Amino acid sequence: MDRQELDAREQAVLALERRGFASSGAKERAIREELGLAPVRYYQLLNALLDDERALAHDPVTVNRLRRVREARRGER
């Protein structure tokens, strides 16, 4: 699978991550209503996107911010 562009769902995941949410409940509701995904599946997709160079090319600010957050959390464990 040698695609150059992210598909619509992958782009939607990154777009949702760019938004600020007042609470995790509001974010989970948006994940379910806007993307039709269970939160667990959403975070699986998001985590895979953080390792995808296409995602980095599509939205470097968001991907790099989330990579830093992920690394900080791994360091806490």
PDB file of N, CA and C in Angstrom:
ATOM      1  N   MET A   1       0.856  -1.178   0.000  1.00  0.00           N
ATOM      2  CA  MET A   1       0.000   0.000   0.000  1.00  0.00           C
ATOM      3  C   MET A   1       0.893   1.227   0.000  1.00  0.00           C
ATOM      4  N   ASP A   2       1.089   1.817  -1.149  1.00  0.00           N
ATOM      5  CA  ASP A   2       2.002   2.940  -1.289  1.00  0.00           C
ATOM      6  C   ASP A   2       1.219   4.191  -1.668  1.00  0.00           C
ATOM      7  N   ARG A   3       0.411   4.669  -0.735  1.00  0.00           N
ATOM      8  CA  ARG A   3      -0.384   5.868  -1.001  1.00  0.00           C
ATOM      9  C   ARG A   3       0.431   7.098  -0.636  1.00  0.00           C
ATOM     10  N   GLN A   4       0.201   8.162  -1.346  1.00  0.00           N
ATOM     11  CA  GLN A   4       0.899   9.414  -1.065  1.00  0.00           C
ATOM     12  C   GLN A   4       0.105  10.306  -0.120  1.00  0.00           C
ATOM     13  N   GLU A   5      -1.209  10.190  -0.158  1.00  0.00           N
ATOM     14  CA  GLU A   5      -2.083  11.066   0.620  1.00  0.00           C
ATOM     15  C   GLU A   5      -2.808  10.275   1.701  1.00  0.00           C
ATOM     16  N   LEU A   6      -3.172  10.970   2.750  1.00  0.00           N
ATOM     17  CA  LEU A   6      -4.020  10.371   3.784  1.00  0.00           C
ATOM     18  C   LEU A   6      -5.435  10.256   3.242  1.00  0.00           C
ATOM     19  N   ASP A   7      -6.155   9.212   3.672  1.00  0.00           N
ATOM     20  CA  ASP A   7      -7.551   9.122   3.250  1.00  0.00           C
ATOM     21  C   ASP A   7      -8.407  10.055   4.103  1.00  0.00           C
ATOM     22  N   ALA A   8      -9.676  10.153   3.758  1.00  0.00           N
ATOM     23  CA  ALA A   8     -10.571  11.113   4.414  1.00  0.00           C
ATOM     24  C   ALA A   8     -10.666  10.865   5.918  1.00  0.00           C
ATOM     25  N   ARG A   9     -10.736   9.592   6.322  1.00  0.00           N
ATOM     26  CA  ARG A   9     -10.856   9.309   7.754  1.00  0.00           C
ATOM     27  C   ARG A   9      -9.583   9.692   8.485  1.00  0.00           C
ATOM     28  N   GLU A  10      -8.433   9.406   7.896  1.00  0.00           N
ATOM     29  CA  GLU A  10      -7.160   9.772   8.532  1.00  0.00           C
ATOM     30  C   GLU A  10      -7.052  11.292   8.678  1.00  0.00           C
ATOM     31  N   GLN A  11      -7.463  12.019   7.644  1.00  0.00           N
ATOM     32  CA  GLN A  11      -7.453  13.475   7.727  1.00  0.00           C
ATOM     33  C   GLN A  11      -8.422  13.972   8.794  1.00  0.00           C
ATOM     34  N   ALA A  12      -9.574  13.327   8.925  1.00  0.00           N
ATOM     35  CA  ALA A  12     -10.572  13.716   9.921  1.00  0.00           C
ATOM     36  C   ALA A  12     -10.052  13.482  11.338  1.00  0.00           C
ATOM     37  N   VAL A  13      -9.309  12.400  11.538  1.00  0.00           N
ATOM     38  CA  VAL A  13      -8.719  12.121  12.855  1.00  0.00           C
ATOM     39  C   VAL A  13      -7.763  13.253  13.233  1.00  0.00           C
ATOM     40  N   LEU A  14      -6.897  13.639  12.309  1.00  0.00           N
ATOM     41  CA  LEU A  14      -5.956  14.724  12.602  1.00  0.00           C
ATOM     42  C   LEU A  14      -6.690  16.051  12.810  1.00  0.00           C
ATOM     43  N   ALA A  15      -7.730  16.297  12.032  1.00  0.00           N
ATOM     44  CA  ALA A  15      -8.496  17.539  12.179  1.00  0.00           C
ATOM     45  C   ALA A  15      -9.154  17.599  13.557  1.00  0.00           C
ATOM     46  N   LEU A  16      -9.674  16.469  14.015  1.00  0.00           N
ATOM     47  CA  LEU A  16     -10.302  16.443  15.339  1.00  0.00           C
ATOM     48  C   LEU A  16      -9.246  16.694  16.418  1.00  0.00           C
ATOM     49  N   GLU A  17      -8.052  16.168  16.253  1.00  0.00           N
ATOM     50  CA  GLU A  17      -6.975  16.379  17.222  1.00  0.00           C
ATOM     51  C   GLU A  17      -6.534  17.833  17.288  1.00  0.00           C
ATOM     52  N   ARG A  18      -6.691  18.566  16.208  1.00  0.00           N
ATOM     53  CA  ARG A  18      -6.300  19.982  16.194  1.00  0.00           C
ATOM     54  C   ARG A  18      -7.219  20.822  17.060  1.00  0.00           C
ATOM     55  N   ARG A  19      -8.444  20.362  17.235  1.00  0.00           N
ATOM     56  CA  ARG A  19      -9.430  21.140  17.985  1.00  0.00           C
ATOM     57  C   ARG A  19      -9.195  21.010  19.487  1.00  0.00           C
ATOM     58  N   GLY A  20      -9.580  22.040  20.202  1.00  0.00           N
ATOM     59  CA  GLY A  20      -9.511  21.980  21.659  1.00  0.00           C
ATOM     60  C   GLY A  20     -10.855  21.539  22.210  1.00  0.00           C
ATOM     61  N   PHE A  21     -10.831  20.724  23.219  1.00  0.00           N
ATOM     62  CA  PHE A  21     -12.070  20.258  23.838  1.00  0.00           C
ATOM     63  C   PHE A  21     -12.058  20.607  25.315  1.00  0.00           C
ATOM     64  N   ALA A  22     -13.199  21.033  25.807  1.00  0.00           N
ATOM     65  CA  ALA A  22     -13.315  21.427  27.210  1.00  0.00           C
ATOM     66  C   ALA A  22     -13.143  20.233  28.147  1.00  0.00           C
ATOM     67  N   SER A  23     -13.521  19.057  27.672  1.00  0.00           N
ATOM     68  CA  SER A  23     -13.420  17.863  28.518  1.00  0.00           C
ATOM     69  C   SER A  23     -13.198  16.641  27.641  1.00  0.00           C
ATOM     70  N   SER A  24     -12.741  15.556  28.279  1.00  0.00           N
ATOM     71  CA  SER A  24     -12.565  14.324  27.522  1.00  0.00           C
ATOM     72  C   SER A  24     -13.918  13.778  27.062  1.00  0.00           C
ATOM     73  N   GLY A  25     -14.972  14.065  27.818  1.00  0.00           N
ATOM     74  CA  GLY A  25     -16.310  13.625  27.421  1.00  0.00           C
ATOM     75  C   GLY A  25     -16.752  14.280  26.126  1.00  0.00           C
ATOM     76  N   ALA A  26     -16.467  15.574  25.991  1.00  0.00           N
ATOM     77  CA  ALA A  26     -16.821  16.288  24.764  1.00  0.00           C
ATOM     78  C   ALA A  26     -16.044  15.718  23.580  1.00  0.00           C
ATOM     79  N   LYS A  27     -14.780  15.386  23.807  1.00  0.00           N
ATOM     80  CA  LYS A  27     -13.967  14.820  22.735  1.00  0.00           C
ATOM     81  C   LYS A  27     -14.489  13.436  22.344  1.00  0.00           C
ATOM     82  N   GLU A  28     -14.795  12.607  23.325  1.00  0.00           N
ATOM     83  CA  GLU A  28     -15.315  11.267  23.017  1.00  0.00           C
ATOM     84  C   GLU A  28     -16.634  11.348  22.260  1.00  0.00           C
ATOM     85  N   ARG A  29     -17.478  12.306  22.634  1.00  0.00           N
ATOM     86  CA  ARG A  29     -18.744  12.489  21.928  1.00  0.00           C
ATOM     87  C   ARG A  29     -18.485  12.873  20.470  1.00  0.00           C
ATOM     88  N   ALA A  30     -17.532  13.772  20.236  1.00  0.00           N
ATOM     89  CA  ALA A  30     -17.192  14.178  18.869  1.00  0.00           C
ATOM     90  C   ALA A  30     -16.637  12.994  18.074  1.00  0.00           C
ATOM     91  N   ILE A  31     -15.818  12.171  18.714  1.00  0.00           N
ATOM     92  CA  ILE A  31     -15.266  10.985  18.043  1.00  0.00           C
ATOM     93  C   ILE A  31     -16.397  10.073  17.574  1.00  0.00           C
ATOM     94  N   ARG A  32     -17.348   9.826  18.464  1.00  0.00           N
ATOM     95  CA  ARG A  32     -18.467   8.938  18.114  1.00  0.00           C
ATOM     96  C   ARG A  32     -19.387   9.557  17.060  1.00  0.00           C
ATOM     97  N   GLU A  33     -19.761  10.831  17.259  1.00  0.00           N
ATOM     98  CA  GLU A  33     -20.757  11.456  16.384  1.00  0.00           C
ATOM     99  C   GLU A  33     -20.187  11.843  15.028  1.00  0.00           C
ATOM    100  N   GLU A  34     -18.982  12.400  15.007  1.00  0.00           N
ATOM    101  CA  GLU A  34     -18.435  12.915  13.752  1.00  0.00           C
ATOM    102  C   GLU A  34     -17.704  11.861  12.941  1.00  0.00           C
ATOM    103  N   LEU A  35     -17.038  10.940  13.628  1.00  0.00           N
ATOM    104  CA  LEU A  35     -16.248   9.933  12.919  1.00  0.00           C
ATOM    105  C   LEU A  35     -16.899   8.551  12.924  1.00  0.00           C
ATOM    106  N   GLY A  36     -17.877   8.354  13.801  1.00  0.00           N
ATOM    107  CA  GLY A  36     -18.536   7.055  13.878  1.00  0.00           C
ATOM    108  C   GLY A  36     -17.622   5.963  14.401  1.00  0.00           C
ATOM    109  N   LEU A  37     -16.679   6.356  15.259  1.00  0.00           N
ATOM    110  CA  LEU A  37     -15.713   5.400  15.798  1.00  0.00           C
ATOM    111  C   LEU A  37     -15.860   5.289  17.305  1.00  0.00           C
ATOM    112  N   ALA A  38     -15.543   4.110  17.820  1.00  0.00           N
ATOM    113  CA  ALA A  38     -15.397   3.970  19.264  1.00  0.00           C
ATOM    114  C   ALA A  38     -14.086   4.662  19.648  1.00  0.00           C
ATOM    115  N   PRO A  39     -14.044   5.315  20.807  1.00  0.00           N
ATOM    116  CA  PRO A  39     -12.808   6.000  21.212  1.00  0.00           C
ATOM    117  C   PRO A  39     -11.567   5.108  21.178  1.00  0.00           C
ATOM    118  N   VAL A  40     -11.696   3.843  21.561  1.00  0.00           N
ATOM    119  CA  VAL A  40     -10.537   2.943  21.544  1.00  0.00           C
ATOM    120  C   VAL A  40      -9.991   2.811  20.120  1.00  0.00           C
ATOM    121  N   ARG A  41     -10.878   2.628  19.153  1.00  0.00           N
ATOM    122  CA  ARG A  41     -10.454   2.506  17.749  1.00  0.00           C
ATOM    123  C   ARG A  41      -9.838   3.813  17.255  1.00  0.00           C
ATOM    124  N   TYR A  42     -10.427   4.932  17.652  1.00  0.00           N
ATOM    125  CA  TYR A  42      -9.894   6.247  17.282  1.00  0.00           C
ATOM    126  C   TYR A  42      -8.451   6.389  17.742  1.00  0.00           C
ATOM    127  N   TYR A  43      -8.187   6.041  19.003  1.00  0.00           N
ATOM    128  CA  TYR A  43      -6.824   6.196  19.524  1.00  0.00           C
ATOM    129  C   TYR A  43      -5.857   5.203  18.882  1.00  0.00           C
ATOM    130  N   GLN A  44      -6.352   4.039  18.471  1.00  0.00           N
ATOM    131  CA  GLN A  44      -5.496   3.111  17.725  1.00  0.00           C
ATOM    132  C   GLN A  44      -5.095   3.730  16.383  1.00  0.00           C
ATOM    133  N   LEU A  45      -6.067   4.302  15.682  1.00  0.00           N
ATOM    134  CA  LEU A  45      -5.784   4.955  14.402  1.00  0.00           C
ATOM    135  C   LEU A  45      -4.845   6.143  14.590  1.00  0.00           C
ATOM    136  N   LEU A  46      -5.108   6.949  15.614  1.00  0.00           N
ATOM    137  CA  LEU A  46      -4.277   8.118  15.865  1.00  0.00           C
ATOM    138  C   LEU A  46      -2.841   7.709  16.150  1.00  0.00           C
ATOM    139  N   ASN A  47      -2.669   6.700  16.968  1.00  0.00           N
ATOM    140  CA  ASN A  47      -1.321   6.253  17.308  1.00  0.00           C
ATOM    141  C   ASN A  47      -0.571   5.767  16.063  1.00  0.00           C
ATOM    142  N   ALA A  48      -1.259   5.056  15.187  1.00  0.00           N
ATOM    143  CA  ALA A  48      -0.635   4.615  13.940  1.00  0.00           C
ATOM    144  C   ALA A  48      -0.271   5.809  13.062  1.00  0.00           C
ATOM    145  N   LEU A  49      -1.136   6.825  13.046  1.00  0.00           N
ATOM    146  CA  LEU A  49      -0.859   8.014  12.239  1.00  0.00           C
ATOM    147  C   LEU A  49       0.391   8.749  12.721  1.00  0.00           C
ATOM    148  N   LEU A  50       0.637   8.717  14.011  1.00  0.00           N
ATOM    149  CA  LEU A  50       1.806   9.425  14.542  1.00  0.00           C
ATOM    150  C   LEU A  50       3.108   8.824  14.026  1.00  0.00           C
ATOM    151  N   ASP A  51       3.058   7.577  13.582  1.00  0.00           N
ATOM    152  CA  ASP A  51       4.246   6.915  13.033  1.00  0.00           C
ATOM    153  C   ASP A  51       4.257   6.940  11.501  1.00  0.00           C
ATOM    154  N   ASP A  52       3.304   7.625  10.904  1.00  0.00           N
ATOM    155  CA  ASP A  52       3.135   7.638   9.447  1.00  0.00           C
ATOM    156  C   ASP A  52       3.704   8.945   8.886  1.00  0.00           C
ATOM    157  N   GLU A  53       4.680   8.837   8.013  1.00  0.00           N
ATOM    158  CA  GLU A  53       5.299  10.032   7.439  1.00  0.00           C
ATOM    159  C   GLU A  53       4.313  10.857   6.608  1.00  0.00           C
ATOM    160  N   ARG A  54       3.283  10.201   6.055  1.00  0.00           N
ATOM    161  CA  ARG A  54       2.265  10.954   5.309  1.00  0.00           C
ATOM    162  C   ARG A  54       1.510  11.895   6.232  1.00  0.00           C
ATOM    163  N   ALA A  55       1.236  11.438   7.464  1.00  0.00           N
ATOM    164  CA  ALA A  55       0.550  12.291   8.435  1.00  0.00           C
ATOM    165  C   ALA A  55       1.436  13.474   8.812  1.00  0.00           C
ATOM    166  N   LEU A  56       2.721  13.219   8.979  1.00  0.00           N
ATOM    167  CA  LEU A  56       3.658  14.291   9.298  1.00  0.00           C
ATOM    168  C   LEU A  56       3.679  15.328   8.180  1.00  0.00           C
ATOM    169  N   ALA A  57       3.669  14.885   6.936  1.00  0.00           N
ATOM    170  CA  ALA A  57       3.662  15.809   5.806  1.00  0.00           C
ATOM    171  C   ALA A  57       2.346  16.590   5.732  1.00  0.00           C
ATOM    172  N   HIS A  58       1.244  15.944   6.100  1.00  0.00           N
ATOM    173  CA  HIS A  58      -0.084  16.564   6.021  1.00  0.00           C
ATOM    174  C   HIS A  58      -0.275  17.626   7.099  1.00  0.00           C
ATOM    175  N   ASP A  59       0.158  17.332   8.323  1.00  0.00           N
ATOM    176  CA  ASP A  59      -0.081  18.246   9.457  1.00  0.00           C
ATOM    177  C   ASP A  59       1.085  18.156  10.435  1.00  0.00           C
ATOM    178  N   PRO A  60       2.233  18.741  10.074  1.00  0.00           N
ATOM    179  CA  PRO A  60       3.429  18.591  10.911  1.00  0.00           C
ATOM    180  C   PRO A  60       3.284  19.153  12.321  1.00  0.00           C
ATOM    181  N   VAL A  61       2.556  20.248  12.484  1.00  0.00           N
ATOM    182  CA  VAL A  61       2.420  20.852  13.811  1.00  0.00           C
ATOM    183  C   VAL A  61       1.685  19.905  14.760  1.00  0.00           C
ATOM    184  N   THR A  62       0.546  19.397  14.313  1.00  0.00           N
ATOM    185  CA  THR A  62      -0.248  18.496  15.158  1.00  0.00           C
ATOM    186  C   THR A  62       0.493  17.194  15.421  1.00  0.00           C
ATOM    187  N   VAL A  63       1.057  16.594  14.394  1.00  0.00           N
ATOM    188  CA  VAL A  63       1.742  15.307  14.558  1.00  0.00           C
ATOM    189  C   VAL A  63       2.949  15.447  15.481  1.00  0.00           C
ATOM    190  N   ASN A  64       3.748  16.489  15.302  1.00  0.00           N
ATOM    191  CA  ASN A  64       4.907  16.664  16.185  1.00  0.00           C
ATOM    192  C   ASN A  64       4.490  16.938  17.624  1.00  0.00           C
ATOM    193  N   ARG A  65       3.428  17.715  17.829  1.00  0.00           N
ATOM    194  CA  ARG A  65       2.931  17.969  19.193  1.00  0.00           C
ATOM    195  C   ARG A  65       2.494  16.660  19.842  1.00  0.00           C
ATOM    196  N   LEU A  66       1.740  15.849  19.105  1.00  0.00           N
ATOM    197  CA  LEU A  66       1.255  14.586  19.669  1.00  0.00           C
ATOM    198  C   LEU A  66       2.385  13.588  19.884  1.00  0.00           C
ATOM    199  N   ARG A  67       3.391  13.611  19.024  1.00  0.00           N
ATOM    200  CA  ARG A  67       4.561  12.745  19.244  1.00  0.00           C
ATOM    201  C   ARG A  67       5.272  13.130  20.537  1.00  0.00           C
ATOM    202  N   ARG A  68       5.403  14.444  20.790  1.00  0.00           N
ATOM    203  CA  ARG A  68       6.036  14.885  22.041  1.00  0.00           C
ATOM    204  C   ARG A  68       5.229  14.440  23.260  1.00  0.00           C
ATOM    205  N   VAL A  69       3.912  14.580  23.189  1.00  0.00           N
ATOM    206  CA  VAL A  69       3.042  14.147  24.289  1.00  0.00           C
ATOM    207  C   VAL A  69       3.197  12.648  24.521  1.00  0.00           C
ATOM    208  N   ARG A  70       3.191  11.882  23.444  1.00  0.00           N
ATOM    209  CA  ARG A  70       3.319  10.423  23.560  1.00  0.00           C
ATOM    210  C   ARG A  70       4.655  10.043  24.195  1.00  0.00           C
ATOM    211  N   GLU A  71       5.724  10.675  23.754  1.00  0.00           N
ATOM    212  CA  GLU A  71       7.046  10.375  24.320  1.00  0.00           C
ATOM    213  C   GLU A  71       7.123  10.752  25.798  1.00  0.00           C
ATOM    214  N   ALA A  72       6.526  11.875  26.164  1.00  0.00           N
ATOM    215  CA  ALA A  72       6.516  12.286  27.572  1.00  0.00           C
ATOM    216  C   ALA A  72       5.774  11.261  28.424  1.00  0.00           C
ATOM    217  N   ARG A  73       4.658  10.762  27.910  1.00  0.00           N
ATOM    218  CA  ARG A  73       3.894   9.753  28.656  1.00  0.00           C
ATOM    219  C   ARG A  73       4.669   8.447  28.777  1.00  0.00           C
ATOM    220  N   ARG A  74       5.366   8.060  27.720  1.00  0.00           N
ATOM    221  CA  ARG A  74       6.164   6.842  27.788  1.00  0.00           C
ATOM    222  C   ARG A  74       7.280   7.012  28.817  1.00  0.00           C
ATOM    223  N   GLY A  75       7.833   8.205  28.926  1.00  0.00           N
ATOM    224  CA  GLY A  75       8.882   8.463  29.892  1.00  0.00           C
ATOM    225  C   GLY A  75       8.403   8.392  31.328  1.00  0.00           C
ATOM    226  N   GLU A  76       7.104   8.651  31.538  1.00  0.00           N
ATOM    227  CA  GLU A  76       6.542   8.602  32.886  1.00  0.00           C
ATOM    228  C   GLU A  76       6.352   7.183  33.390  1.00  0.00           C
ATOM    229  N   ARG A  77       6.262   6.231  32.476  1.00  0.00           N
ATOM    230  CA  ARG A  77       5.968   4.841  32.877  1.00  0.00           C
ATOM    231  C   ARG A  77       7.173   4.165  33.460  1.00  0.00           C
TER     232      ARG A  77
END
